[in-house]
Amino acid sequence: MAADRDDRDTLEALNRGYLLAAEKSDVAWYAEHLAEDYRATNPDGSFVDKAGFLARIGRPHTLRDFRAPEVSIQRVGDVALIHASFEDTRPDGGHGRGRYTDIWQRRNGRWLCVSAHFTRC
């Protein structure tokens, strides 16, 4: 169906935007695309709400070249689960990697990220 394809294209673009915004510390992108009740689990096991996530993402960092070589998008009604692997480059030229799961929900016709879980490998 065309609507399903449009949603998939939108979710793929949002996933790319999420990574690019992380690399660029783009607080405005996240402020627009995270739900007000957003919660995330950090690699250390701690939880963070939207305000805490925005504060953390706005701090300068030295990682670059964020990419997601493996992405799976699963739709369940107005909810989408994005499971992916990620890679980045550290300042010393070494590479980091991990996995993430983002949960998106369509609210009032817009996809908003409501939850995320990040793990470094």
PDB file of N, CA and C in Angstrom:
ATOM      1  N   MET A   1       0.827  -1.190   0.000  1.00  0.00           N
ATOM      2  CA  MET A   1       0.000   0.000   0.000  1.00  0.00           C
ATOM      3  C   MET A   1       0.870   1.251   0.000  1.00  0.00           C
ATOM      4  N   ALA A   2       0.387   2.272  -0.616  1.00  0.00           N
ATOM      5  CA  ALA A   2       1.133   3.532  -0.710  1.00  0.00           C
ATOM      6  C   ALA A   2       1.328   4.160   0.658  1.00  0.00           C
ATOM      7  N   ALA A   3       0.308   4.103   1.519  1.00  0.00           N
ATOM      8  CA  ALA A   3       0.422   4.702   2.856  1.00  0.00           C
ATOM      9  C   ALA A   3       1.505   4.003   3.668  1.00  0.00           C
ATOM     10  N   ASP A   4       1.578   2.663   3.584  1.00  0.00           N
ATOM     11  CA  ASP A   4       2.618   1.919   4.288  1.00  0.00           C
ATOM     12  C   ASP A   4       4.003   2.302   3.781  1.00  0.00           C
ATOM     13  N   ARG A   5       4.140   2.449   2.470  1.00  0.00           N
ATOM     14  CA  ARG A   5       5.427   2.836   1.882  1.00  0.00           C
ATOM     15  C   ARG A   5       5.809   4.245   2.326  1.00  0.00           C
ATOM     16  N   ASP A   6       4.830   5.148   2.349  1.00  0.00           N
ATOM     17  CA  ASP A   6       5.093   6.516   2.809  1.00  0.00           C
ATOM     18  C   ASP A   6       5.565   6.518   4.260  1.00  0.00           C
ATOM     19  N   ASP A   7       4.894   5.723   5.119  1.00  0.00           N
ATOM     20  CA  ASP A   7       5.307   5.638   6.522  1.00  0.00           C
ATOM     21  C   ASP A   7       6.717   5.072   6.634  1.00  0.00           C
ATOM     22  N   ARG A   8       7.011   4.048   5.869  1.00  0.00           N
ATOM     23  CA  ARG A   8       8.346   3.444   5.921  1.00  0.00           C
ATOM     24  C   ARG A   8       9.404   4.462   5.483  1.00  0.00           C
ATOM     25  N   ASP A   9       9.130   5.179   4.403  1.00  0.00           N
ATOM     26  CA  ASP A   9      10.063   6.213   3.947  1.00  0.00           C
ATOM     27  C   ASP A   9      10.257   7.272   5.031  1.00  0.00           C
ATOM     28  N   THR A  10       9.162   7.672   5.665  1.00  0.00           N
ATOM     29  CA  THR A  10       9.231   8.671   6.735  1.00  0.00           C
ATOM     30  C   THR A  10      10.063   8.151   7.900  1.00  0.00           C
ATOM     31  N   LEU A  11       9.821   6.914   8.316  1.00  0.00           N
ATOM     32  CA  LEU A  11      10.557   6.332   9.439  1.00  0.00           C
ATOM     33  C   LEU A  11      12.037   6.150   9.108  1.00  0.00           C
ATOM     34  N   GLU A  12      12.344   5.771   7.885  1.00  0.00           N
ATOM     35  CA  GLU A  12      13.752   5.670   7.474  1.00  0.00           C
ATOM     36  C   GLU A  12      14.424   7.039   7.539  1.00  0.00           C
ATOM     37  N   ALA A  13      13.725   8.068   7.084  1.00  0.00           N
ATOM     38  CA  ALA A  13      14.272   9.431   7.132  1.00  0.00           C
ATOM     39  C   ALA A  13      14.435   9.895   8.577  1.00  0.00           C
ATOM     40  N   LEU A  14      13.479   9.573   9.432  1.00  0.00           N
ATOM     41  CA  LEU A  14      13.588   9.946  10.845  1.00  0.00           C
ATOM     42  C   LEU A  14      14.768   9.238  11.503  1.00  0.00           C
ATOM     43  N   ASN A  15      14.989   7.982  11.161  1.00  0.00           N
ATOM     44  CA  ASN A  15      16.126   7.256  11.714  1.00  0.00           C
ATOM     45  C   ASN A  15      17.444   7.897  11.277  1.00  0.00           C
ATOM     46  N   ARG A  16      17.545   8.251  10.002  1.00  0.00           N
ATOM     47  CA  ARG A  16      18.760   8.940   9.525  1.00  0.00           C
ATOM     48  C   ARG A  16      18.914  10.284  10.235  1.00  0.00           C
ATOM     49  N   GLY A  17      17.803  11.003  10.395  1.00  0.00           N
ATOM     50  CA  GLY A  17      17.836  12.288  11.085  1.00  0.00           C
ATOM     51  C   GLY A  17      18.280  12.156  12.525  1.00  0.00           C
ATOM     52  N   TYR A  18      17.834  11.098  13.195  1.00  0.00           N
ATOM     53  CA  TYR A  18      18.202  10.846  14.588  1.00  0.00           C
ATOM     54  C   TYR A  18      19.720  10.717  14.713  1.00  0.00           C
ATOM     55  N   LEU A  19      20.322   9.935  13.822  1.00  0.00           N
ATOM     56  CA  LEU A  19      21.777   9.744  13.851  1.00  0.00           C
ATOM     57  C   LEU A  19      22.526  11.030  13.518  1.00  0.00           C
ATOM     58  N   LEU A  20      22.088  11.716  12.488  1.00  0.00           N
ATOM     59  CA  LEU A  20      22.744  12.963  12.092  1.00  0.00           C
ATOM     60  C   LEU A  20      22.635  14.002  13.203  1.00  0.00           C
ATOM     61  N   ALA A  21      21.476  14.084  13.834  1.00  0.00           N
ATOM     62  CA  ALA A  21      21.282  15.041  14.926  1.00  0.00           C
ATOM     63  C   ALA A  21      22.185  14.702  16.110  1.00  0.00           C
ATOM     64  N   ALA A  22      22.401  13.408  16.368  1.00  0.00           N
ATOM     65  CA  ALA A  22      23.305  13.007  17.453  1.00  0.00           C
ATOM     66  C   ALA A  22      24.730  13.456  17.149  1.00  0.00           C
ATOM     67  N   GLU A  23      25.157  13.233  15.919  1.00  0.00           N
ATOM     68  CA  GLU A  23      26.520  13.611  15.535  1.00  0.00           C
ATOM     69  C   GLU A  23      26.730  15.115  15.639  1.00  0.00           C
ATOM     70  N   LYS A  24      25.715  15.885  15.296  1.00  0.00           N
ATOM     71  CA  LYS A  24      25.836  17.344  15.267  1.00  0.00           C
ATOM     72  C   LYS A  24      25.362  18.019  16.556  1.00  0.00           C
ATOM     73  N   SER A  25      24.972  17.215  17.565  1.00  0.00           N
ATOM     74  CA  SER A  25      24.425  17.767  18.819  1.00  0.00           C
ATOM     75  C   SER A  25      23.275  18.727  18.530  1.00  0.00           C
ATOM     76  N   ASP A  26      22.384  18.318  17.646  1.00  0.00           N
ATOM     77  CA  ASP A  26      21.284  19.159  17.174  1.00  0.00           C
ATOM     78  C   ASP A  26      20.073  19.055  18.111  1.00  0.00           C
ATOM     79  N   VAL A  27      20.096  19.860  19.161  1.00  0.00           N
ATOM     80  CA  VAL A  27      19.037  19.846  20.168  1.00  0.00           C
ATOM     81  C   VAL A  27      17.685  20.187  19.546  1.00  0.00           C
ATOM     82  N   ALA A  28      17.649  21.119  18.616  1.00  0.00           N
ATOM     83  CA  ALA A  28      16.383  21.534  17.998  1.00  0.00           C
ATOM     84  C   ALA A  28      15.715  20.369  17.270  1.00  0.00           C
ATOM     85  N   TRP A  29      16.499  19.530  16.583  1.00  0.00           N
ATOM     86  CA  TRP A  29      15.912  18.383  15.886  1.00  0.00           C
ATOM     87  C   TRP A  29      15.230  17.463  16.887  1.00  0.00           C
ATOM     88  N   TYR A  30      15.932  17.168  17.983  1.00  0.00           N
ATOM     89  CA  TYR A  30      15.348  16.276  18.988  1.00  0.00           C
ATOM     90  C   TYR A  30      14.153  16.909  19.681  1.00  0.00           C
ATOM     91  N   ALA A  31      14.212  18.189  19.981  1.00  0.00           N
ATOM     92  CA  ALA A  31      13.083  18.865  20.632  1.00  0.00           C
ATOM     93  C   ALA A  31      11.820  18.719  19.788  1.00  0.00           C
ATOM     94  N   GLU A  32      11.983  18.737  18.475  1.00  0.00           N
ATOM     95  CA  GLU A  32      10.847  18.616  17.562  1.00  0.00           C
ATOM     96  C   GLU A  32      10.357  17.180  17.406  1.00  0.00           C
ATOM     97  N   HIS A  33      11.236  16.194  17.505  1.00  0.00           N
ATOM     98  CA  HIS A  33      10.880  14.818  17.166  1.00  0.00           C
ATOM     99  C   HIS A  33      10.722  13.865  18.349  1.00  0.00           C
ATOM    100  N   LEU A  34      11.054  14.308  19.558  1.00  0.00           N
ATOM    101  CA  LEU A  34      10.835  13.471  20.739  1.00  0.00           C
ATOM    102  C   LEU A  34       9.504  13.846  21.375  1.00  0.00           C
ATOM    103  N   ALA A  35       8.741  12.840  21.788  1.00  0.00           N
ATOM    104  CA  ALA A  35       7.478  13.084  22.484  1.00  0.00           C
ATOM    105  C   ALA A  35       7.772  13.733  23.839  1.00  0.00           C
ATOM    106  N   GLU A  36       6.814  14.475  24.362  1.00  0.00           N
ATOM    107  CA  GLU A  36       7.001  15.107  25.674  1.00  0.00           C
ATOM    108  C   GLU A  36       7.233  14.061  26.760  1.00  0.00           C
ATOM    109  N   ASP A  37       6.653  12.863  26.613  1.00  0.00           N
ATOM    110  CA  ASP A  37       6.811  11.804  27.609  1.00  0.00           C
ATOM    111  C   ASP A  37       7.931  10.818  27.235  1.00  0.00           C
ATOM    112  N   TYR A  38       8.855  11.238  26.403  1.00  0.00           N
ATOM    113  CA  TYR A  38       9.996  10.427  25.967  1.00  0.00           C
ATOM    114  C   TYR A  38      10.810   9.951  27.169  1.00  0.00           C
ATOM    115  N   ARG A  39      11.247   8.696  27.103  1.00  0.00           N
ATOM    116  CA  ARG A  39      12.159   8.122  28.090  1.00  0.00           C
ATOM    117  C   ARG A  39      13.192   7.288  27.336  1.00  0.00           C
ATOM    118  N   ALA A  40      14.412   7.295  27.837  1.00  0.00           N
ATOM    119  CA  ALA A  40      15.464   6.495  27.204  1.00  0.00           C
ATOM    120  C   ALA A  40      16.262   5.759  28.271  1.00  0.00           C
ATOM    121  N   THR A  41      16.824   4.630  27.867  1.00  0.00           N
ATOM    122  CA  THR A  41      17.759   3.888  28.695  1.00  0.00           C
ATOM    123  C   THR A  41      19.141   4.087  28.093  1.00  0.00           C
ATOM    124  N   ASN A  42      20.055   4.593  28.896  1.00  0.00           N
ATOM    125  CA  ASN A  42      21.422   4.859  28.453  1.00  0.00           C
ATOM    126  C   ASN A  42      22.272   3.590  28.524  1.00  0.00           C
ATOM    127  N   PRO A  43      23.436   3.587  27.882  1.00  0.00           N
ATOM    128  CA  PRO A  43      24.306   2.409  27.914  1.00  0.00           C
ATOM    129  C   PRO A  43      24.703   1.970  29.330  1.00  0.00           C
ATOM    130  N   ASP A  44      24.725   2.916  30.290  1.00  0.00           N
ATOM    131  CA  ASP A  44      25.084   2.561  31.668  1.00  0.00           C
ATOM    132  C   ASP A  44      23.886   2.053  32.475  1.00  0.00           C
ATOM    133  N   GLY A  45      22.714   1.962  31.837  1.00  0.00           N
ATOM    134  CA  GLY A  45      21.524   1.466  32.503  1.00  0.00           C
ATOM    135  C   GLY A  45      20.661   2.542  33.131  1.00  0.00           C
ATOM    136  N   SER A  46      21.125   3.775  33.123  1.00  0.00           N
ATOM    137  CA  SER A  46      20.338   4.863  33.708  1.00  0.00           C
ATOM    138  C   SER A  46      19.211   5.272  32.763  1.00  0.00           C
ATOM    139  N   PHE A  47      18.167   5.870  33.349  1.00  0.00           N
ATOM    140  CA  PHE A  47      17.043   6.393  32.574  1.00  0.00           C
ATOM    141  C   PHE A  47      17.189   7.891  32.423  1.00  0.00           C
ATOM    142  N   VAL A  48      16.632   8.425  31.352  1.00  0.00           N
ATOM    143  CA  VAL A  48      16.633   9.868  31.138  1.00  0.00           C
ATOM    144  C   VAL A  48      15.311  10.246  30.471  1.00  0.00           C
ATOM    145  N   ASP A  49      14.768  11.396  30.864  1.00  0.00           N
ATOM    146  CA  ASP A  49      13.554  11.894  30.219  1.00  0.00           C
ATOM    147  C   ASP A  49      13.948  12.842  29.090  1.00  0.00           C
ATOM    148  N   LYS A  50      12.963  13.462  28.468  1.00  0.00           N
ATOM    149  CA  LYS A  50      13.247  14.326  27.323  1.00  0.00           C
ATOM    150  C   LYS A  50      14.183  15.467  27.705  1.00  0.00           C
ATOM    151  N   ALA A  51      13.900  16.141  28.814  1.00  0.00           N
ATOM    152  CA  ALA A  51      14.745  17.271  29.226  1.00  0.00           C
ATOM    153  C   ALA A  51      16.182  16.821  29.475  1.00  0.00           C
ATOM    154  N   GLY A  52      16.348  15.682  30.138  1.00  0.00           N
ATOM    155  CA  GLY A  52      17.686  15.165  30.400  1.00  0.00           C
ATOM    156  C   GLY A  52      18.405  14.767  29.128  1.00  0.00           C
ATOM    157  N   PHE A  53      17.672  14.172  28.189  1.00  0.00           N
ATOM    158  CA  PHE A  53      18.270  13.783  26.914  1.00  0.00           C
ATOM    159  C   PHE A  53      18.715  15.015  26.136  1.00  0.00           C
ATOM    160  N   LEU A  54      17.860  16.040  26.092  1.00  0.00           N
ATOM    161  CA  LEU A  54      18.213  17.265  25.363  1.00  0.00           C
ATOM    162  C   LEU A  54      19.446  17.922  25.974  1.00  0.00           C
ATOM    163  N   ALA A  55      19.531  17.914  27.308  1.00  0.00           N
ATOM    164  CA  ALA A  55      20.706  18.498  27.971  1.00  0.00           C
ATOM    165  C   ALA A  55      21.964  17.718  27.604  1.00  0.00           C
ATOM    166  N   ARG A  56      21.865  16.391  27.608  1.00  0.00           N
ATOM    167  CA  ARG A  56      23.040  15.574  27.294  1.00  0.00           C
ATOM    168  C   ARG A  56      23.442  15.713  25.833  1.00  0.00           C
ATOM    169  N   ILE A  57      22.467  15.676  24.925  1.00  0.00           N
ATOM    170  CA  ILE A  57      22.792  15.718  23.493  1.00  0.00           C
ATOM    171  C   ILE A  57      23.385  17.069  23.109  1.00  0.00           C
ATOM    172  N   GLY A  58      23.068  18.109  23.873  1.00  0.00           N
ATOM    173  CA  GLY A  58      23.579  19.443  23.571  1.00  0.00           C
ATOM    174  C   GLY A  58      25.022  19.666  23.989  1.00  0.00           C
ATOM    175  N   ARG A  59      25.555  18.758  24.802  1.00  0.00           N
ATOM    176  CA  ARG A  59      26.957  18.894  25.214  1.00  0.00           C
ATOM    177  C   ARG A  59      27.882  18.472  24.071  1.00  0.00           C
ATOM    178  N   PRO A  60      28.969  19.178  23.895  1.00  0.00           N
ATOM    179  CA  PRO A  60      29.912  18.803  22.826  1.00  0.00           C
ATOM    180  C   PRO A  60      30.458  17.387  23.046  1.00  0.00           C
ATOM    181  N   HIS A  61      30.722  16.704  21.977  1.00  0.00           N
ATOM    182  CA  HIS A  61      31.335  15.379  22.038  1.00  0.00           C
ATOM    183  C   HIS A  61      32.316  15.257  20.878  1.00  0.00           C
ATOM    184  N   THR A  62      33.103  14.208  20.920  1.00  0.00           N
ATOM    185  CA  THR A  62      34.166  14.055  19.919  1.00  0.00           C
ATOM    186  C   THR A  62      33.926  12.885  18.968  1.00  0.00           C
ATOM    187  N   LEU A  63      32.788  12.235  19.067  1.00  0.00           N
ATOM    188  CA  LEU A  63      32.486  11.137  18.145  1.00  0.00           C
ATOM    189  C   LEU A  63      32.029  11.700  16.809  1.00  0.00           C
ATOM    190  N   ARG A  64      32.291  10.957  15.743  1.00  0.00           N
ATOM    191  CA  ARG A  64      31.872  11.420  14.417  1.00  0.00           C
ATOM    192  C   ARG A  64      31.568  10.213  13.530  1.00  0.00           C
ATOM    193  N   ASP A  65      31.116  10.504  12.336  1.00  0.00           N
ATOM    194  CA  ASP A  65      30.822   9.467  11.335  1.00  0.00           C
ATOM    195  C   ASP A  65      29.805   8.443  11.840  1.00  0.00           C
ATOM    196  N   PHE A  66      28.726   8.917  12.451  1.00  0.00           N
ATOM    197  CA  PHE A  66      27.677   8.012  12.916  1.00  0.00           C
ATOM    198  C   PHE A  66      27.033   7.332  11.706  1.00  0.00           C
ATOM    199  N   ARG A  67      26.832   6.040  11.791  1.00  0.00           N
ATOM    200  CA  ARG A  67      26.162   5.315  10.720  1.00  0.00           C
ATOM    201  C   ARG A  67      25.447   4.101  11.316  1.00  0.00           C
ATOM    202  N   ALA A  68      24.447   3.654  10.611  1.00  0.00           N
ATOM    203  CA  ALA A  68      23.659   2.485  11.029  1.00  0.00           C
ATOM    204  C   ALA A  68      23.653   1.479   9.881  1.00  0.00           C
ATOM    205  N   PRO A  69      24.611   0.544   9.871  1.00  0.00           N
ATOM    206  CA  PRO A  69      24.706  -0.386   8.748  1.00  0.00           C
ATOM    207  C   PRO A  69      23.584  -1.419   8.691  1.00  0.00           C
ATOM    208  N   GLU A  70      22.915  -1.630   9.793  1.00  0.00           N
ATOM    209  CA  GLU A  70      21.850  -2.640   9.845  1.00  0.00           C
ATOM    210  C   GLU A  70      20.634  -2.014  10.525  1.00  0.00           C
ATOM    211  N   VAL A  71      19.543  -1.865   9.802  1.00  0.00           N
ATOM    212  CA  VAL A  71      18.332  -1.234  10.336  1.00  0.00           C
ATOM    213  C   VAL A  71      17.128  -2.111  10.004  1.00  0.00           C
ATOM    214  N   SER A  72      16.306  -2.349  11.010  1.00  0.00           N
ATOM    215  CA  SER A  72      15.064  -3.092  10.825  1.00  0.00           C
ATOM    216  C   SER A  72      13.918  -2.240  11.364  1.00  0.00           C
ATOM    217  N   ILE A  73      12.889  -2.051  10.551  1.00  0.00           N
ATOM    218  CA  ILE A  73      11.723  -1.269  10.963  1.00  0.00           C
ATOM    219  C   ILE A  73      10.518  -2.196  10.979  1.00  0.00           C
ATOM    220  N   GLN A  74       9.872  -2.257  12.131  1.00  0.00           N
ATOM    221  CA  GLN A  74       8.689  -3.099  12.299  1.00  0.00           C
ATOM    222  C   GLN A  74       7.521  -2.222  12.722  1.00  0.00           C
ATOM    223  N   ARG A  75       6.445  -2.261  11.970  1.00  0.00           N
ATOM    224  CA  ARG A  75       5.237  -1.488  12.286  1.00  0.00           C
ATOM    225  C   ARG A  75       4.228  -2.360  12.994  1.00  0.00           C
ATOM    226  N   VAL A  76       3.626  -1.810  14.035  1.00  0.00           N
ATOM    227  CA  VAL A  76       2.518  -2.441  14.741  1.00  0.00           C
ATOM    228  C   VAL A  76       1.472  -1.348  14.922  1.00  0.00           C
ATOM    229  N   GLY A  77       0.586  -1.222  13.954  1.00  0.00           N
ATOM    230  CA  GLY A  77      -0.409  -0.149  13.998  1.00  0.00           C
ATOM    231  C   GLY A  77       0.264   1.213  13.937  1.00  0.00           C
ATOM    232  N   ASP A  78      -0.033   2.044  14.921  1.00  0.00           N
ATOM    233  CA  ASP A  78       0.550   3.388  14.977  1.00  0.00           C
ATOM    234  C   ASP A  78       1.840   3.434  15.786  1.00  0.00           C
ATOM    235  N   VAL A  79       2.482   2.284  15.943  1.00  0.00           N
ATOM    236  CA  VAL A  79       3.769   2.192  16.636  1.00  0.00           C
ATOM    237  C   VAL A  79       4.781   1.587  15.670  1.00  0.00           C
ATOM    238  N   ALA A  80       6.000   2.085  15.718  1.00  0.00           N
ATOM    239  CA  ALA A  80       7.085   1.536  14.902  1.00  0.00           C
ATOM    240  C   ALA A  80       8.280   1.262  15.802  1.00  0.00           C
ATOM    241  N   LEU A  81       8.866   0.097  15.627  1.00  0.00           N
ATOM    242  CA  LEU A  81      10.073  -0.292  16.351  1.00  0.00           C
ATOM    243  C   LEU A  81      11.225  -0.259  15.366  1.00  0.00           C
ATOM    244  N   ILE A  82      12.244   0.491  15.702  1.00  0.00           N
ATOM    245  CA  ILE A  82      13.440   0.538  14.861  1.00  0.00           C
ATOM    246  C   ILE A  82      14.575  -0.089  15.657  1.00  0.00           C
ATOM    247  N   HIS A  83      15.046  -1.231  15.180  1.00  0.00           N
ATOM    248  CA  HIS A  83      16.188  -1.923  15.775  1.00  0.00           C
ATOM    249  C   HIS A  83      17.355  -1.727  14.817  1.00  0.00           C
ATOM    250  N   ALA A  84      18.503  -1.346  15.341  1.00  0.00           N
ATOM    251  CA  ALA A  84      19.632  -1.086  14.444  1.00  0.00           C
ATOM    252  C   ALA A  84      20.963  -1.282  15.154  1.00  0.00           C
ATOM    253  N   SER A  85      21.969  -1.532  14.354  1.00  0.00           N
ATOM    254  CA  SER A  85      23.341  -1.469  14.839  1.00  0.00           C
ATOM    255  C   SER A  85      23.868  -0.088  14.462  1.00  0.00           C
ATOM    256  N   PHE A  86      24.845   0.389  15.225  1.00  0.00           N
ATOM    257  CA  PHE A  86      25.457   1.667  14.859  1.00  0.00           C
ATOM    258  C   PHE A  86      26.962   1.566  15.002  1.00  0.00           C
ATOM    259  N   GLU A  87      27.627   2.442  14.289  1.00  0.00           N
ATOM    260  CA  GLU A  87      29.081   2.562  14.352  1.00  0.00           C
ATOM    261  C   GLU A  87      29.416   4.037  14.378  1.00  0.00           C
ATOM    262  N   ASP A  88      30.538   4.359  15.006  1.00  0.00           N
ATOM    263  CA  ASP A  88      31.017   5.736  15.009  1.00  0.00           C
ATOM    264  C   ASP A  88      32.538   5.713  15.061  1.00  0.00           C
ATOM    265  N   THR A  89      33.130   6.870  14.905  1.00  0.00           N
ATOM    266  CA  THR A  89      34.584   7.000  14.935  1.00  0.00           C
ATOM    267  C   THR A  89      34.973   7.866  16.119  1.00  0.00           C
ATOM    268  N   ARG A  90      35.911   7.375  16.920  1.00  0.00           N
ATOM    269  CA  ARG A  90      36.408   8.106  18.088  1.00  0.00           C
ATOM    270  C   ARG A  90      37.522   9.058  17.657  1.00  0.00           C
ATOM    271  N   PRO A  91      37.875  10.005  18.519  1.00  0.00           N
ATOM    272  CA  PRO A  91      38.920  10.978  18.162  1.00  0.00           C
ATOM    273  C   PRO A  91      40.266  10.336  17.819  1.00  0.00           C
ATOM    274  N   ASP A  92      40.562   9.168  18.424  1.00  0.00           N
ATOM    275  CA  ASP A  92      41.837   8.508  18.144  1.00  0.00           C
ATOM    276  C   ASP A  92      41.803   7.699  16.853  1.00  0.00           C
ATOM    277  N   GLY A  93      40.666   7.760  16.139  1.00  0.00           N
ATOM    278  CA  GLY A  93      40.523   7.017  14.896  1.00  0.00           C
ATOM    279  C   GLY A  93      39.947   5.627  15.088  1.00  0.00           C
ATOM    280  N   GLY A  94      39.833   5.198  16.344  1.00  0.00           N
ATOM    281  CA  GLY A  94      39.223   3.901  16.624  1.00  0.00           C
ATOM    282  C   GLY A  94      37.729   3.948  16.347  1.00  0.00           C
ATOM    283  N   HIS A  95      37.133   2.792  16.326  1.00  0.00           N
ATOM    284  CA  HIS A  95      35.705   2.714  16.012  1.00  0.00           C
ATOM    285  C   HIS A  95      34.923   2.174  17.197  1.00  0.00           C
ATOM    286  N   GLY A  96      33.783   2.789  17.431  1.00  0.00           N
ATOM    287  CA  GLY A  96      32.846   2.304  18.433  1.00  0.00           C
ATOM    288  C   GLY A  96      31.669   1.673  17.728  1.00  0.00           C
ATOM    289  N   ARG A  97      30.956   0.831  18.446  1.00  0.00           N
ATOM    290  CA  ARG A  97      29.766   0.224  17.861  1.00  0.00           C
ATOM    291  C   ARG A  97      28.787  -0.128  18.961  1.00  0.00           C
ATOM    292  N   GLY A  98      27.572  -0.377  18.551  1.00  0.00           N
ATOM    293  CA  GLY A  98      26.542  -0.746  19.509  1.00  0.00           C
ATOM    294  C   GLY A  98      25.240  -1.044  18.801  1.00  0.00           C
ATOM    295  N   ARG A  99      24.176  -1.082  19.608  1.00  0.00           N
ATOM    296  CA  ARG A  99      22.844  -1.333  19.073  1.00  0.00           C
ATOM    297  C   ARG A  99      21.895  -0.352  19.724  1.00  0.00           C
ATOM    298  N   TYR A 100      20.804  -0.070  19.034  1.00  0.00           N
ATOM    299  CA  TYR A 100      19.767   0.767  19.626  1.00  0.00           C
ATOM    300  C   TYR A 100      18.400   0.310  19.164  1.00  0.00           C
ATOM    301  N   THR A 101      17.431   0.615  19.983  1.00  0.00           N
ATOM    302  CA  THR A 101      16.028   0.412  19.640  1.00  0.00           C
ATOM    303  C   THR A 101      15.323   1.725  19.901  1.00  0.00           C
ATOM    304  N   ASP A 102      14.666   2.253  18.903  1.00  0.00           N
ATOM    305  CA  ASP A 102      13.840   3.454  19.046  1.00  0.00           C
ATOM    306  C   ASP A 102      12.392   3.043  18.837  1.00  0.00           C
ATOM    307  N   ILE A 103      11.524   3.554  19.681  1.00  0.00           N
ATOM    308  CA  ILE A 103      10.093   3.290  19.549  1.00  0.00           C
ATOM    309  C   ILE A 103       9.418   4.596  19.169  1.00  0.00           C
ATOM    310  N   TRP A 104       8.766   4.568  18.029  1.00  0.00           N
ATOM    311  CA  TRP A 104       8.069   5.733  17.488  1.00  0.00           C
ATOM    312  C   TRP A 104       6.569   5.479  17.528  1.00  0.00           C
ATOM    313  N   GLN A 105       5.812   6.525  17.774  1.00  0.00           N
ATOM    314  CA  GLN A 105       4.354   6.417  17.768  1.00  0.00           C
ATOM    315  C   GLN A 105       3.781   7.555  16.937  1.00  0.00           C
ATOM    316  N   ARG A 106       2.798   7.205  16.111  1.00  0.00           N
ATOM    317  CA  ARG A 106       2.132   8.243  15.334  1.00  0.00           C
ATOM    318  C   ARG A 106       1.075   8.882  16.239  1.00  0.00           C
ATOM    319  N   ARG A 107       1.234  10.177  16.459  1.00  0.00           N
ATOM    320  CA  ARG A 107       0.307  10.937  17.291  1.00  0.00           C
ATOM    321  C   ARG A 107      -0.171  12.141  16.492  1.00  0.00           C
ATOM    322  N   ASN A 108      -1.461  12.272  16.365  1.00  0.00           N
ATOM    323  CA  ASN A 108      -2.033  13.391  15.605  1.00  0.00           C
ATOM    324  C   ASN A 108      -1.390  13.520  14.226  1.00  0.00           C
ATOM    325  N   GLY A 109      -1.150  12.376  13.580  1.00  0.00           N
ATOM    326  CA  GLY A 109      -0.620  12.368  12.223  1.00  0.00           C
ATOM    327  C   GLY A 109       0.888  12.516  12.106  1.00  0.00           C
ATOM    328  N   ARG A 110       1.601  12.638  13.234  1.00  0.00           N
ATOM    329  CA  ARG A 110       3.072  12.808  13.227  1.00  0.00           C
ATOM    330  C   ARG A 110       3.737  11.657  13.952  1.00  0.00           C
ATOM    331  N   TRP A 111       4.862  11.219  13.438  1.00  0.00           N
ATOM    332  CA  TRP A 111       5.659  10.213  14.130  1.00  0.00           C
ATOM    333  C   TRP A 111       6.545  10.910  15.155  1.00  0.00           C
ATOM    334  N   LEU A 112       6.448  10.478  16.423  1.00  0.00           N
ATOM    335  CA  LEU A 112       7.281  11.005  17.501  1.00  0.00           C
ATOM    336  C   LEU A 112       7.991   9.844  18.182  1.00  0.00           C
ATOM    337  N   CYS A 113       9.238  10.060  18.548  1.00  0.00           N
ATOM    338  CA  CYS A 113       9.981   9.029  19.270  1.00  0.00           C
ATOM    339  C   CYS A 113       9.546   9.083  20.737  1.00  0.00           C
ATOM    340  N   VAL A 114       9.061   7.959  21.256  1.00  0.00           N
ATOM    341  CA  VAL A 114       8.564   7.916  22.630  1.00  0.00           C
ATOM    342  C   VAL A 114       9.533   7.215  23.570  1.00  0.00           C
ATOM    343  N   SER A 115      10.452   6.416  23.016  1.00  0.00           N
ATOM    344  CA  SER A 115      11.380   5.688  23.868  1.00  0.00           C
ATOM    345  C   SER A 115      12.583   5.233  23.048  1.00  0.00           C
ATOM    346  N   ALA A 116      13.703   5.058  23.747  1.00  0.00           N
ATOM    347  CA  ALA A 116      14.919   4.575  23.090  1.00  0.00           C
ATOM    348  C   ALA A 116      15.750   3.786  24.096  1.00  0.00           C
ATOM    349  N   HIS A 117      16.548   2.880  23.579  1.00  0.00           N
ATOM    350  CA  HIS A 117      17.459   2.082  24.400  1.00  0.00           C
ATOM    351  C   HIS A 117      18.769   1.969  23.627  1.00  0.00           C
ATOM    352  N   PHE A 118      19.859   2.352  24.272  1.00  0.00           N
ATOM    353  CA  PHE A 118      21.173   2.359  23.622  1.00  0.00           C
ATOM    354  C   PHE A 118      22.104   1.399  24.350  1.00  0.00           C
ATOM    355  N   THR A 119      22.854   0.601  23.601  1.00  0.00           N
ATOM    356  CA  THR A 119      23.835  -0.307  24.179  1.00  0.00           C
ATOM    357  C   THR A 119      25.111  -0.227  23.359  1.00  0.00           C
ATOM    358  N   ARG A 120      26.227  -0.055  24.023  1.00  0.00           N
ATOM    359  CA  ARG A 120      27.529  -0.113  23.343  1.00  0.00           C
ATOM    360  C   ARG A 120      28.050  -1.531  23.431  1.00  0.00           C
ATOM    361  N   CYS A 121      28.676  -2.002  22.358  1.00  0.00           N
ATOM    362  CA  CYS A 121      29.235  -3.362  22.327  1.00  0.00           C
ATOM    363  C   CYS A 121      30.750  -3.295  22.345  1.00  0.00           C
TER     364      CYS A 121
END
